[in-house]
Amino acid sequence: MSAPTELLANPESIKKLEKEFSMEAKSDEKKLQSAFKDVHKHEKSEAKASKSVDKTEKAVKKLEKLELETVNSLHAITRKHDVAVADLHNAQAGLHTQKQQLEKHKQDLSTAQTHFDQVTKDKNDHDRERHDKLNQLYSSPPT
């Protein structure tokens, strides 16, 4: 500490030291201002990034909700489709059974029609035979 007191005795040294201190103070002030601006710039960037994260989080939550709703809709539609497919298969099976019954009824009708035709022919034949026999009886002289 003895060196500064020796320097103080010399007015030229004092001016030189004051000038040096002044320049150091200005340099420190510039560094402080630069650091302050840098902090301020990073605070703004951090705030902007934070807002961006918040906005993106909201968008993600909205999309997750939409995706969940879509999945639920898909499940509901899939269940509806499964029911429709089951109903279709049941209807097709019922149609097949009805077609089989129709074919059986057609065969039964054909058999009944054939039988009816045969009975009608037999009746006509018998009627004719009876008529012919009666005519023979009436046309022959009594003996």
C-alpha atoms as a PDB file:
ATOM      1  CA  MET A   1       0.000   0.000   0.000  1.00  0.00           C
ATOM      2  CA  SER A   2       2.908   2.254   0.203  1.00  0.00           C
ATOM      3  CA  ALA A   3       3.138   2.474  -3.573  1.00  0.00           C
ATOM      4  CA  PRO A   4      -0.227   4.278  -4.031  1.00  0.00           C
ATOM      5  CA  THR A   5       0.611   6.897  -1.439  1.00  0.00           C
ATOM      6  CA  GLU A   6       3.834   7.598  -3.253  1.00  0.00           C
ATOM      7  CA  LEU A   7       1.934   7.960  -6.505  1.00  0.00           C
ATOM      8  CA  LEU A   8      -0.517  10.352  -4.919  1.00  0.00           C
ATOM      9  CA  ALA A   9       2.192  12.785  -4.194  1.00  0.00           C
ATOM     10  CA  ASN A  10       2.795  13.321  -7.851  1.00  0.00           C
ATOM     11  CA  PRO A  11      -0.062  15.365  -9.502  1.00  0.00           C
ATOM     12  CA  GLU A  12       0.704  13.920 -12.913  1.00  0.00           C
ATOM     13  CA  SER A  13       0.444  10.414 -11.542  1.00  0.00           C
ATOM     14  CA  ILE A  14      -2.850  11.295  -9.887  1.00  0.00           C
ATOM     15  CA  LYS A  15      -4.293  12.560 -13.173  1.00  0.00           C
ATOM     16  CA  LYS A  16      -3.020   9.492 -14.927  1.00  0.00           C
ATOM     17  CA  LEU A  17      -4.545   7.285 -12.236  1.00  0.00           C
ATOM     18  CA  GLU A  18      -7.858   9.173 -12.369  1.00  0.00           C
ATOM     19  CA  LYS A  19      -7.907   8.820 -16.132  1.00  0.00           C
ATOM     20  CA  GLU A  20      -7.166   5.110 -15.822  1.00  0.00           C
ATOM     21  CA  PHE A  21      -9.925   4.712 -13.198  1.00  0.00           C
ATOM     22  CA  SER A  22     -12.303   6.671 -15.400  1.00  0.00           C
ATOM     23  CA  MET A  23     -11.517   4.440 -18.379  1.00  0.00           C
ATOM     24  CA  GLU A  24     -11.897   1.298 -16.208  1.00  0.00           C
ATOM     25  CA  ALA A  25     -15.219   2.637 -14.886  1.00  0.00           C
ATOM     26  CA  LYS A  26     -16.429   3.331 -18.445  1.00  0.00           C
ATOM     27  CA  SER A  27     -15.288  -0.121 -19.538  1.00  0.00           C
ATOM     28  CA  ASP A  28     -17.010  -1.678 -16.511  1.00  0.00           C
ATOM     29  CA  GLU A  29     -20.171   0.343 -17.282  1.00  0.00           C
ATOM     30  CA  LYS A  30     -20.100  -0.835 -20.907  1.00  0.00           C
ATOM     31  CA  LYS A  31     -19.619  -4.432 -19.764  1.00  0.00           C
ATOM     32  CA  LEU A  32     -22.471  -4.011 -17.269  1.00  0.00           C
ATOM     33  CA  GLN A  33     -24.753  -2.513 -19.946  1.00  0.00           C
ATOM     34  CA  SER A  34     -23.803  -5.283 -22.360  1.00  0.00           C
ATOM     35  CA  ALA A  35     -24.438  -7.957 -19.698  1.00  0.00           C
ATOM     36  CA  PHE A  36     -27.767  -6.267 -18.820  1.00  0.00           C
ATOM     37  CA  LYS A  37     -28.791  -6.217 -22.485  1.00  0.00           C
ATOM     38  CA  ASP A  38     -27.722  -9.842 -22.810  1.00  0.00           C
ATOM     39  CA  VAL A  39     -29.781 -10.820 -19.726  1.00  0.00           C
ATOM     40  CA  HIS A  40     -32.754  -8.819 -21.014  1.00  0.00           C
ATOM     41  CA  LYS A  41     -32.447 -10.473 -24.451  1.00  0.00           C
ATOM     42  CA  HIS A  42     -32.296 -13.937 -22.850  1.00  0.00           C
ATOM     43  CA  GLU A  43     -35.257 -13.114 -20.569  1.00  0.00           C
ATOM     44  CA  LYS A  44     -37.294 -12.144 -23.630  1.00  0.00           C
ATOM     45  CA  SER A  45     -36.168 -15.301 -25.456  1.00  0.00           C
ATOM     46  CA  GLU A  46     -37.017 -17.412 -22.403  1.00  0.00           C
ATOM     47  CA  ALA A  47     -40.472 -15.780 -22.102  1.00  0.00           C
ATOM     48  CA  LYS A  48     -41.102 -16.283 -25.811  1.00  0.00           C
ATOM     49  CA  ALA A  49     -39.971 -19.926 -25.599  1.00  0.00           C
ATOM     50  CA  SER A  50     -42.159 -20.430 -22.514  1.00  0.00           C
ATOM     51  CA  LYS A  51     -45.194 -19.026 -24.346  1.00  0.00           C
ATOM     52  CA  SER A  52     -44.381 -21.239 -27.318  1.00  0.00           C
ATOM     53  CA  VAL A  53     -44.144 -24.302 -25.047  1.00  0.00           C
ATOM     54  CA  ASP A  54     -47.482 -23.405 -23.395  1.00  0.00           C
ATOM     55  CA  LYS A  55     -49.120 -22.933 -26.794  1.00  0.00           C
ATOM     56  CA  THR A  56     -47.673 -26.211 -28.099  1.00  0.00           C
ATOM     57  CA  GLU A  57     -48.740 -28.062 -24.927  1.00  0.00           C
ATOM     58  CA  LYS A  58     -52.302 -26.796 -25.437  1.00  0.00           C
ATOM     59  CA  ALA A  59     -52.181 -27.890 -29.079  1.00  0.00           C
ATOM     60  CA  VAL A  60     -50.864 -31.320 -28.052  1.00  0.00           C
ATOM     61  CA  LYS A  61     -53.625 -31.704 -25.425  1.00  0.00           C
ATOM     62  CA  LYS A  62     -56.232 -30.669 -27.997  1.00  0.00           C
ATOM     63  CA  LEU A  63     -54.846 -33.176 -30.517  1.00  0.00           C
ATOM     64  CA  GLU A  64     -54.723 -35.904 -27.850  1.00  0.00           C
ATOM     65  CA  LYS A  65     -58.379 -35.209 -27.046  1.00  0.00           C
ATOM     66  CA  LEU A  66     -59.254 -35.292 -30.747  1.00  0.00           C
ATOM     67  CA  GLU A  67     -57.316 -38.531 -31.185  1.00  0.00           C
ATOM     68  CA  LEU A  68     -59.159 -40.081 -28.213  1.00  0.00           C
ATOM     69  CA  GLU A  69     -62.513 -38.964 -29.619  1.00  0.00           C
ATOM     70  CA  THR A  70     -61.539 -40.390 -33.001  1.00  0.00           C
ATOM     71  CA  VAL A  71     -60.516 -43.708 -31.430  1.00  0.00           C
ATOM     72  CA  ASN A  72     -63.817 -43.849 -29.530  1.00  0.00           C
ATOM     73  CA  SER A  73     -65.712 -43.063 -32.739  1.00  0.00           C
ATOM     74  CA  LEU A  74     -63.727 -45.733 -34.532  1.00  0.00           C
ATOM     75  CA  HIS A  75     -64.598 -48.283 -31.833  1.00  0.00           C
ATOM     76  CA  ALA A  76     -68.278 -47.323 -32.001  1.00  0.00           C
ATOM     77  CA  ILE A  77     -68.299 -47.573 -35.793  1.00  0.00           C
ATOM     78  CA  THR A  78     -66.412 -50.879 -35.633  1.00  0.00           C
ATOM     79  CA  ARG A  79     -69.025 -52.244 -33.205  1.00  0.00           C
ATOM     80  CA  LYS A  80     -71.791 -50.998 -35.538  1.00  0.00           C
ATOM     81  CA  HIS A  81     -70.040 -52.663 -38.458  1.00  0.00           C
ATOM     82  CA  ASP A  82     -69.683 -55.921 -36.526  1.00  0.00           C
ATOM     83  CA  VAL A  83     -73.419 -55.844 -35.712  1.00  0.00           C
ATOM     84  CA  ALA A  84     -74.231 -55.098 -39.362  1.00  0.00           C
ATOM     85  CA  VAL A  85     -72.036 -58.005 -40.517  1.00  0.00           C
ATOM     86  CA  ALA A  86     -73.695 -60.347 -37.998  1.00  0.00           C
ATOM     87  CA  ASP A  87     -77.157 -59.162 -39.104  1.00  0.00           C
ATOM     88  CA  LEU A  88     -76.175 -59.693 -42.745  1.00  0.00           C
ATOM     89  CA  HIS A  89     -74.941 -63.236 -42.035  1.00  0.00           C
ATOM     90  CA  ASN A  90     -78.135 -64.030 -40.124  1.00  0.00           C
ATOM     91  CA  ALA A  91     -80.266 -62.636 -42.959  1.00  0.00           C
ATOM     92  CA  GLN A  92     -78.287 -64.631 -45.533  1.00  0.00           C
ATOM     93  CA  ALA A  93     -78.731 -67.800 -43.481  1.00  0.00           C
ATOM     94  CA  GLY A  94     -82.467 -67.074 -43.175  1.00  0.00           C
ATOM     95  CA  LEU A  95     -82.683 -66.474 -46.925  1.00  0.00           C
ATOM     96  CA  HIS A  96     -80.911 -69.780 -47.598  1.00  0.00           C
ATOM     97  CA  THR A  97     -83.371 -71.602 -45.307  1.00  0.00           C
ATOM     98  CA  GLN A  98     -86.347 -69.916 -46.983  1.00  0.00           C
ATOM     99  CA  LYS A  99     -85.027 -70.843 -50.433  1.00  0.00           C
ATOM    100  CA  GLN A 100     -84.681 -74.461 -49.310  1.00  0.00           C
ATOM    101  CA  GLN A 101     -88.264 -74.374 -47.997  1.00  0.00           C
ATOM    102  CA  LEU A 102     -89.442 -72.838 -51.281  1.00  0.00           C
ATOM    103  CA  GLU A 103     -87.763 -75.627 -53.243  1.00  0.00           C
ATOM    104  CA  LYS A 104     -89.382 -78.241 -50.993  1.00  0.00           C
ATOM    105  CA  HIS A 105     -92.793 -76.576 -51.462  1.00  0.00           C
ATOM    106  CA  LYS A 106     -92.235 -76.506 -55.230  1.00  0.00           C
ATOM    107  CA  GLN A 107     -91.394 -80.221 -55.189  1.00  0.00           C
ATOM    108  CA  ASP A 108     -94.403 -80.940 -52.972  1.00  0.00           C
ATOM    109  CA  LEU A 109     -96.608 -78.886 -55.328  1.00  0.00           C
ATOM    110  CA  SER A 110     -95.207 -80.704 -58.356  1.00  0.00           C
ATOM    111  CA  THR A 111     -95.827 -84.057 -56.668  1.00  0.00           C
ATOM    112  CA  ALA A 112     -99.334 -82.993 -55.632  1.00  0.00           C
ATOM    113  CA  GLN A 113    -100.056 -81.651 -59.137  1.00  0.00           C
ATOM    114  CA  THR A 114     -98.817 -84.888 -60.702  1.00  0.00           C
ATOM    115  CA  HIS A 115    -100.948 -86.875 -58.251  1.00  0.00           C
ATOM    116  CA  PHE A 116    -103.956 -84.608 -58.977  1.00  0.00           C
ATOM    117  CA  ASP A 117    -103.459 -85.029 -62.720  1.00  0.00           C
ATOM    118  CA  GLN A 118    -103.228 -88.829 -62.288  1.00  0.00           C
ATOM    119  CA  VAL A 119    -106.329 -88.930 -60.043  1.00  0.00           C
ATOM    120  CA  THR A 120    -108.197 -86.726 -62.543  1.00  0.00           C
ATOM    121  CA  LYS A 121    -107.156 -89.019 -65.429  1.00  0.00           C
ATOM    122  CA  ASP A 122    -108.084 -92.100 -63.418  1.00  0.00           C
ATOM    123  CA  LYS A 123    -111.468 -90.574 -62.537  1.00  0.00           C
ATOM    124  CA  ASN A 124    -112.122 -89.623 -66.152  1.00  0.00           C
ATOM    125  CA  ASP A 125    -111.080 -93.112 -67.261  1.00  0.00           C
ATOM    126  CA  HIS A 126    -113.319 -94.716 -64.626  1.00  0.00           C
ATOM    127  CA  ASP A 127    -116.193 -92.354 -65.465  1.00  0.00           C
ATOM    128  CA  ARG A 128    -115.816 -93.287 -69.124  1.00  0.00           C
ATOM    129  CA  GLU A 129    -115.652 -97.001 -68.289  1.00  0.00           C
ATOM    130  CA  ARG A 130    -118.751 -96.723 -66.110  1.00  0.00           C
ATOM    131  CA  HIS A 131    -120.521 -94.734 -68.764  1.00  0.00           C
ATOM    132  CA  ASP A 132    -119.529 -97.249 -71.407  1.00  0.00           C
ATOM    133  CA  LYS A 133    -120.744-100.141 -69.214  1.00  0.00           C
ATOM    134  CA  LEU A 134    -124.013 -98.384 -68.546  1.00  0.00           C
ATOM    135  CA  ASN A 135    -124.436 -97.692 -72.250  1.00  0.00           C
ATOM    136  CA  GLN A 136    -123.766-101.350 -72.971  1.00  0.00           C
ATOM    137  CA  LEU A 137    -126.305-102.379 -70.441  1.00  0.00           C
ATOM    138  CA  TYR A 138    -128.942-100.078 -71.892  1.00  0.00           C
ATOM    139  CA  SER A 139    -128.142-100.923 -75.479  1.00  0.00           C
ATOM    140  CA  SER A 140    -128.255-104.729 -75.077  1.00  0.00           C
ATOM    141  CA  PRO A 141    -131.670-106.322 -75.271  1.00  0.00           C
ATOM    142  CA  PRO A 142    -132.817-108.015 -72.151  1.00  0.00           C
ATOM    143  CA  THR A 143    -132.569-111.730 -72.299  1.00  0.00           C
END
